[in-house]
């Protein structure tokens, strides 16, 4: 393996451009495209060259600035996600409280309870859901009990 040769960035770019031109003249467009796609450091490695002058400082500063901006953006996104997570945790606690309240309405139910007692338990559970979200769990204020329907049928 040969020893690495020093080259400036400008020399490297000129060598790369010359190689691409030569490859195109010989009809080796795929190889020329591959060389054109290489970064300076990739081409230097391919040609076993050592760059004697690093990338311009303005590029380094802009990369540092980009990284800093990206870091700030990620931190802001993290704060937003944490806040959203806290909101979702609060919502979950509310739902669990409603489910617990509804469960307590039914847990005391058994086969010895009257129909009226069972309907009261159902109504209490429905009210718990309605208090949580009136839109999703509306309670029909009309009297839909079988007794009311029977009296309507008799009157007709």
C-alpha atoms as a PDB file:
ATOM      1  CA  UNK A   1       0.000   0.000   0.000  1.00  0.00           C
ATOM      2  CA  UNK A   2       1.397   3.388  -0.946  1.00  0.00           C
ATOM      3  CA  UNK A   3       2.011   6.198   1.471  1.00  0.00           C
ATOM      4  CA  UNK A   4      -0.625   8.922   1.692  1.00  0.00           C
ATOM      5  CA  UNK A   5       0.255  12.026  -0.301  1.00  0.00           C
ATOM      6  CA  UNK A   6      -0.580  15.545   0.955  1.00  0.00           C
ATOM      7  CA  UNK A   7      -2.906  17.723  -1.109  1.00  0.00           C
ATOM      8  CA  UNK A   8      -4.771  20.969  -0.564  1.00  0.00           C
ATOM      9  CA  UNK A   9      -8.531  21.087  -0.964  1.00  0.00           C
ATOM     10  CA  UNK A  10      -8.099  23.102  -4.177  1.00  0.00           C
ATOM     11  CA  UNK A  11      -5.679  20.521  -5.620  1.00  0.00           C
ATOM     12  CA  UNK A  12      -8.054  17.732  -4.679  1.00  0.00           C
ATOM     13  CA  UNK A  13     -10.999  19.452  -6.411  1.00  0.00           C
ATOM     14  CA  UNK A  14      -8.912  20.003  -9.546  1.00  0.00           C
ATOM     15  CA  UNK A  15      -7.822  16.340  -9.571  1.00  0.00           C
ATOM     16  CA  UNK A  16     -11.404  15.191  -9.122  1.00  0.00           C
ATOM     17  CA  UNK A  17     -12.658  17.451 -11.949  1.00  0.00           C
ATOM     18  CA  UNK A  18      -9.877  16.211 -14.212  1.00  0.00           C
ATOM     19  CA  UNK A  19     -10.696  12.572 -13.438  1.00  0.00           C
ATOM     20  CA  UNK A  20     -14.403  13.138 -14.159  1.00  0.00           C
ATOM     21  CA  UNK A  21     -13.568  14.832 -17.488  1.00  0.00           C
ATOM     22  CA  UNK A  22     -11.213  12.015 -18.504  1.00  0.00           C
ATOM     23  CA  UNK A  23     -13.740   9.307 -17.554  1.00  0.00           C
ATOM     24  CA  UNK A  24     -16.432  11.013 -19.626  1.00  0.00           C
ATOM     25  CA  UNK A  25     -14.080  11.217 -22.648  1.00  0.00           C
ATOM     26  CA  UNK A  26     -13.547   7.464 -22.422  1.00  0.00           C
ATOM     27  CA  UNK A  27     -17.319   6.903 -22.204  1.00  0.00           C
ATOM     28  CA  UNK A  28     -17.274   5.762 -18.582  1.00  0.00           C
ATOM     29  CA  UNK A  29     -20.144   7.987 -17.475  1.00  0.00           C
ATOM     30  CA  UNK A  30     -21.146   5.735 -14.553  1.00  0.00           C
ATOM     31  CA  UNK A  31     -17.662   6.013 -13.047  1.00  0.00           C
ATOM     32  CA  UNK A  32     -17.639   9.766 -13.701  1.00  0.00           C
ATOM     33  CA  UNK A  33     -21.005  10.117 -11.938  1.00  0.00           C
ATOM     34  CA  UNK A  34     -19.700   8.088  -8.997  1.00  0.00           C
ATOM     35  CA  UNK A  35     -16.630  10.348  -8.671  1.00  0.00           C
ATOM     36  CA  UNK A  36     -18.766  13.497  -8.952  1.00  0.00           C
ATOM     37  CA  UNK A  37     -21.008  12.248  -6.155  1.00  0.00           C
ATOM     38  CA  UNK A  38     -18.054  11.744  -3.791  1.00  0.00           C
ATOM     39  CA  UNK A  39     -17.378  14.313  -1.101  1.00  0.00           C
ATOM     40  CA  UNK A  40     -13.882  15.807  -0.917  1.00  0.00           C
ATOM     41  CA  UNK A  41     -12.940  13.545   1.977  1.00  0.00           C
ATOM     42  CA  UNK A  42     -14.289  10.440   0.165  1.00  0.00           C
ATOM     43  CA  UNK A  43     -12.301  11.291  -2.966  1.00  0.00           C
ATOM     44  CA  UNK A  44      -9.173  11.957  -0.869  1.00  0.00           C
ATOM     45  CA  UNK A  45      -9.552   8.544   0.762  1.00  0.00           C
ATOM     46  CA  UNK A  46     -10.104   6.898  -2.627  1.00  0.00           C
ATOM     47  CA  UNK A  47      -6.919   8.497  -4.010  1.00  0.00           C
ATOM     48  CA  UNK A  48      -4.989   7.887  -0.744  1.00  0.00           C
ATOM     49  CA  UNK A  49      -4.491  11.633  -0.173  1.00  0.00           C
ATOM     50  CA  UNK A  50      -4.292  13.633   3.031  1.00  0.00           C
ATOM     51  CA  UNK A  51      -5.909  17.058   2.989  1.00  0.00           C
ATOM     52  CA  UNK A  52      -3.459  19.695   4.202  1.00  0.00           C
ATOM     53  CA  UNK A  53      -6.084  22.395   4.660  1.00  0.00           C
ATOM     54  CA  UNK A  54      -9.330  21.618   6.486  1.00  0.00           C
ATOM     55  CA  UNK A  55     -12.771  22.824   5.484  1.00  0.00           C
ATOM     56  CA  UNK A  56     -13.221  26.610   5.595  1.00  0.00           C
ATOM     57  CA  UNK A  57     -14.074  27.946   9.039  1.00  0.00           C
ATOM     58  CA  UNK A  58     -17.269  29.590   7.810  1.00  0.00           C
ATOM     59  CA  UNK A  59     -18.577  26.128   6.956  1.00  0.00           C
ATOM     60  CA  UNK A  60     -17.555  24.827  10.380  1.00  0.00           C
ATOM     61  CA  UNK A  61     -19.275  27.760  12.086  1.00  0.00           C
ATOM     62  CA  UNK A  62     -22.431  27.289  10.029  1.00  0.00           C
ATOM     63  CA  UNK A  63     -22.459  23.586  10.901  1.00  0.00           C
ATOM     64  CA  UNK A  64     -22.064  24.451  14.583  1.00  0.00           C
ATOM     65  CA  UNK A  65     -24.854  27.021  14.214  1.00  0.00           C
ATOM     66  CA  UNK A  66     -27.056  24.458  12.471  1.00  0.00           C
ATOM     67  CA  UNK A  67     -26.378  21.911  15.189  1.00  0.00           C
ATOM     68  CA  UNK A  68     -27.168  24.496  17.858  1.00  0.00           C
ATOM     69  CA  UNK A  69     -30.431  25.451  16.096  1.00  0.00           C
ATOM     70  CA  UNK A  70     -31.333  21.793  15.669  1.00  0.00           C
ATOM     71  CA  UNK A  71     -30.559  21.135  19.324  1.00  0.00           C
ATOM     72  CA  UNK A  72     -32.748  24.063  20.386  1.00  0.00           C
ATOM     73  CA  UNK A  73     -35.534  22.850  18.085  1.00  0.00           C
ATOM     74  CA  UNK A  74     -35.299  19.339  19.518  1.00  0.00           C
ATOM     75  CA  UNK A  75     -35.382  20.725  23.060  1.00  0.00           C
ATOM     76  CA  UNK A  76     -38.501  22.740  22.201  1.00  0.00           C
ATOM     77  CA  UNK A  77     -40.109  19.660  20.666  1.00  0.00           C
ATOM     78  CA  UNK A  78     -39.221  17.662  23.776  1.00  0.00           C
ATOM     79  CA  UNK A  79     -40.865  20.275  26.019  1.00  0.00           C
ATOM     80  CA  UNK A  80     -43.965  20.238  23.785  1.00  0.00           C
ATOM     81  CA  UNK A  81     -44.117  16.444  23.908  1.00  0.00           C
ATOM     82  CA  UNK A  82     -43.666  16.424  27.686  1.00  0.00           C
ATOM     83  CA  UNK A  83     -46.485  18.970  28.046  1.00  0.00           C
ATOM     84  CA  UNK A  84     -48.718  16.928  25.752  1.00  0.00           C
ATOM     85  CA  UNK A  85     -47.845  13.815  27.743  1.00  0.00           C
ATOM     86  CA  UNK A  86     -48.826  15.595  30.978  1.00  0.00           C
ATOM     87  CA  UNK A  87     -52.143  16.648  29.406  1.00  0.00           C
ATOM     88  CA  UNK A  88     -52.785  13.074  28.261  1.00  0.00           C
ATOM     89  CA  UNK A  89     -51.950  11.780  31.740  1.00  0.00           C
ATOM     90  CA  UNK A  90     -54.490  14.224  33.198  1.00  0.00           C
ATOM     91  CA  UNK A  91     -57.098  13.081  30.671  1.00  0.00           C
ATOM     92  CA  UNK A  92     -56.357   9.459  31.513  1.00  0.00           C
ATOM     93  CA  UNK A  93     -56.812  10.144  35.226  1.00  0.00           C
ATOM     94  CA  UNK A  94     -60.176  11.811  34.486  1.00  0.00           C
ATOM     95  CA  UNK A  95     -61.310   8.809  32.445  1.00  0.00           C
ATOM     96  CA  UNK A  96     -60.167   6.398  35.153  1.00  0.00           C
ATOM     97  CA  UNK A  97     -62.104   8.361  37.763  1.00  0.00           C
ATOM     98  CA  UNK A  98     -65.262   8.186  35.624  1.00  0.00           C
ATOM     99  CA  UNK A  99     -64.756   4.473  34.977  1.00  0.00           C
ATOM    100  CA  UNK A 100     -64.225   3.909  38.713  1.00  0.00           C
ATOM    101  CA  UNK A 101     -67.390   5.837  39.525  1.00  0.00           C
ATOM    102  CA  UNK A 102     -69.368   3.823  36.939  1.00  0.00           C
ATOM    103  CA  UNK A 103     -67.880   0.581  38.246  1.00  0.00           C
ATOM    104  CA  UNK A 104     -68.949   1.476  41.772  1.00  0.00           C
ATOM    105  CA  UNK A 105     -72.513   1.914  40.477  1.00  0.00           C
ATOM    106  CA  UNK A 106     -72.552  -1.675  39.182  1.00  0.00           C
ATOM    107  CA  UNK A 107     -70.330  -3.550  41.619  1.00  0.00           C
ATOM    108  CA  UNK A 108     -73.060  -3.635  44.244  1.00  0.00           C
ATOM    109  CA  UNK A 109     -75.600  -5.043  41.769  1.00  0.00           C
ATOM    110  CA  UNK A 110     -76.664  -8.670  42.125  1.00  0.00           C
ATOM    111  CA  UNK A 111     -79.549 -10.954  41.162  1.00  0.00           C
ATOM    112  CA  UNK A 112     -81.554  -9.998  44.259  1.00  0.00           C
ATOM    113  CA  UNK A 113     -81.945  -6.367  43.197  1.00  0.00           C
ATOM    114  CA  UNK A 114     -85.200  -5.141  41.798  1.00  0.00           C
ATOM    115  CA  UNK A 115     -85.554  -3.808  38.285  1.00  0.00           C
ATOM    116  CA  UNK A 116     -85.890  -0.292  39.707  1.00  0.00           C
ATOM    117  CA  UNK A 117     -82.638  -0.647  41.683  1.00  0.00           C
ATOM    118  CA  UNK A 118     -80.823  -1.881  38.554  1.00  0.00           C
ATOM    119  CA  UNK A 119     -82.206   1.047  36.526  1.00  0.00           C
ATOM    120  CA  UNK A 120     -81.033   3.431  39.267  1.00  0.00           C
ATOM    121  CA  UNK A 121     -77.517   1.947  39.054  1.00  0.00           C
ATOM    122  CA  UNK A 122     -77.525   2.336  35.263  1.00  0.00           C
ATOM    123  CA  UNK A 123     -78.768   5.905  35.575  1.00  0.00           C
ATOM    124  CA  UNK A 124     -76.035   6.731  38.109  1.00  0.00           C
ATOM    125  CA  UNK A 125     -73.379   5.323  35.769  1.00  0.00           C
ATOM    126  CA  UNK A 126     -74.828   7.271  32.831  1.00  0.00           C
ATOM    127  CA  UNK A 127     -74.777  10.459  34.897  1.00  0.00           C
ATOM    128  CA  UNK A 128     -71.092   9.873  35.726  1.00  0.00           C
ATOM    129  CA  UNK A 129     -70.292   9.559  32.014  1.00  0.00           C
ATOM    130  CA  UNK A 130     -72.475  12.566  31.188  1.00  0.00           C
ATOM    131  CA  UNK A 131     -70.659  14.723  33.755  1.00  0.00           C
ATOM    132  CA  UNK A 132     -67.376  13.762  32.074  1.00  0.00           C
ATOM    133  CA  UNK A 133     -68.534  14.607  28.539  1.00  0.00           C
ATOM    134  CA  UNK A 134     -72.081  15.762  27.815  1.00  0.00           C
ATOM    135  CA  UNK A 135     -71.552  15.604  24.035  1.00  0.00           C
ATOM    136  CA  UNK A 136     -70.323  12.008  23.904  1.00  0.00           C
ATOM    137  CA  UNK A 137     -72.600  10.757  26.646  1.00  0.00           C
ATOM    138  CA  UNK A 138     -75.850  12.708  26.409  1.00  0.00           C
ATOM    139  CA  UNK A 139     -78.702  11.801  28.662  1.00  0.00           C
ATOM    140  CA  UNK A 140     -82.100  11.869  26.989  1.00  0.00           C
ATOM    141  CA  UNK A 141     -84.280  13.914  29.285  1.00  0.00           C
ATOM    142  CA  UNK A 142     -87.470  12.395  27.854  1.00  0.00           C
ATOM    143  CA  UNK A 143     -89.072   9.728  29.988  1.00  0.00           C
ATOM    144  CA  UNK A 144     -88.372   6.473  28.135  1.00  0.00           C
ATOM    145  CA  UNK A 145     -89.457   4.195  30.959  1.00  0.00           C
ATOM    146  CA  UNK A 146     -91.776   1.279  30.032  1.00  0.00           C
ATOM    147  CA  UNK A 147     -94.484   2.691  32.332  1.00  0.00           C
ATOM    148  CA  UNK A 148     -94.574   5.977  30.418  1.00  0.00           C
ATOM    149  CA  UNK A 149     -94.762   4.149  27.080  1.00  0.00           C
ATOM    150  CA  UNK A 150     -97.622   1.943  28.309  1.00  0.00           C
ATOM    151  CA  UNK A 151     -99.661   4.959  29.420  1.00  0.00           C
ATOM    152  CA  UNK A 152     -99.094   6.537  25.988  1.00  0.00           C
ATOM    153  CA  UNK A 153    -100.335   3.339  24.296  1.00  0.00           C
ATOM    154  CA  UNK A 154    -103.446   3.178  26.529  1.00  0.00           C
ATOM    155  CA  UNK A 155    -104.315   6.819  25.815  1.00  0.00           C
ATOM    156  CA  UNK A 156    -104.104   6.210  22.085  1.00  0.00           C
END
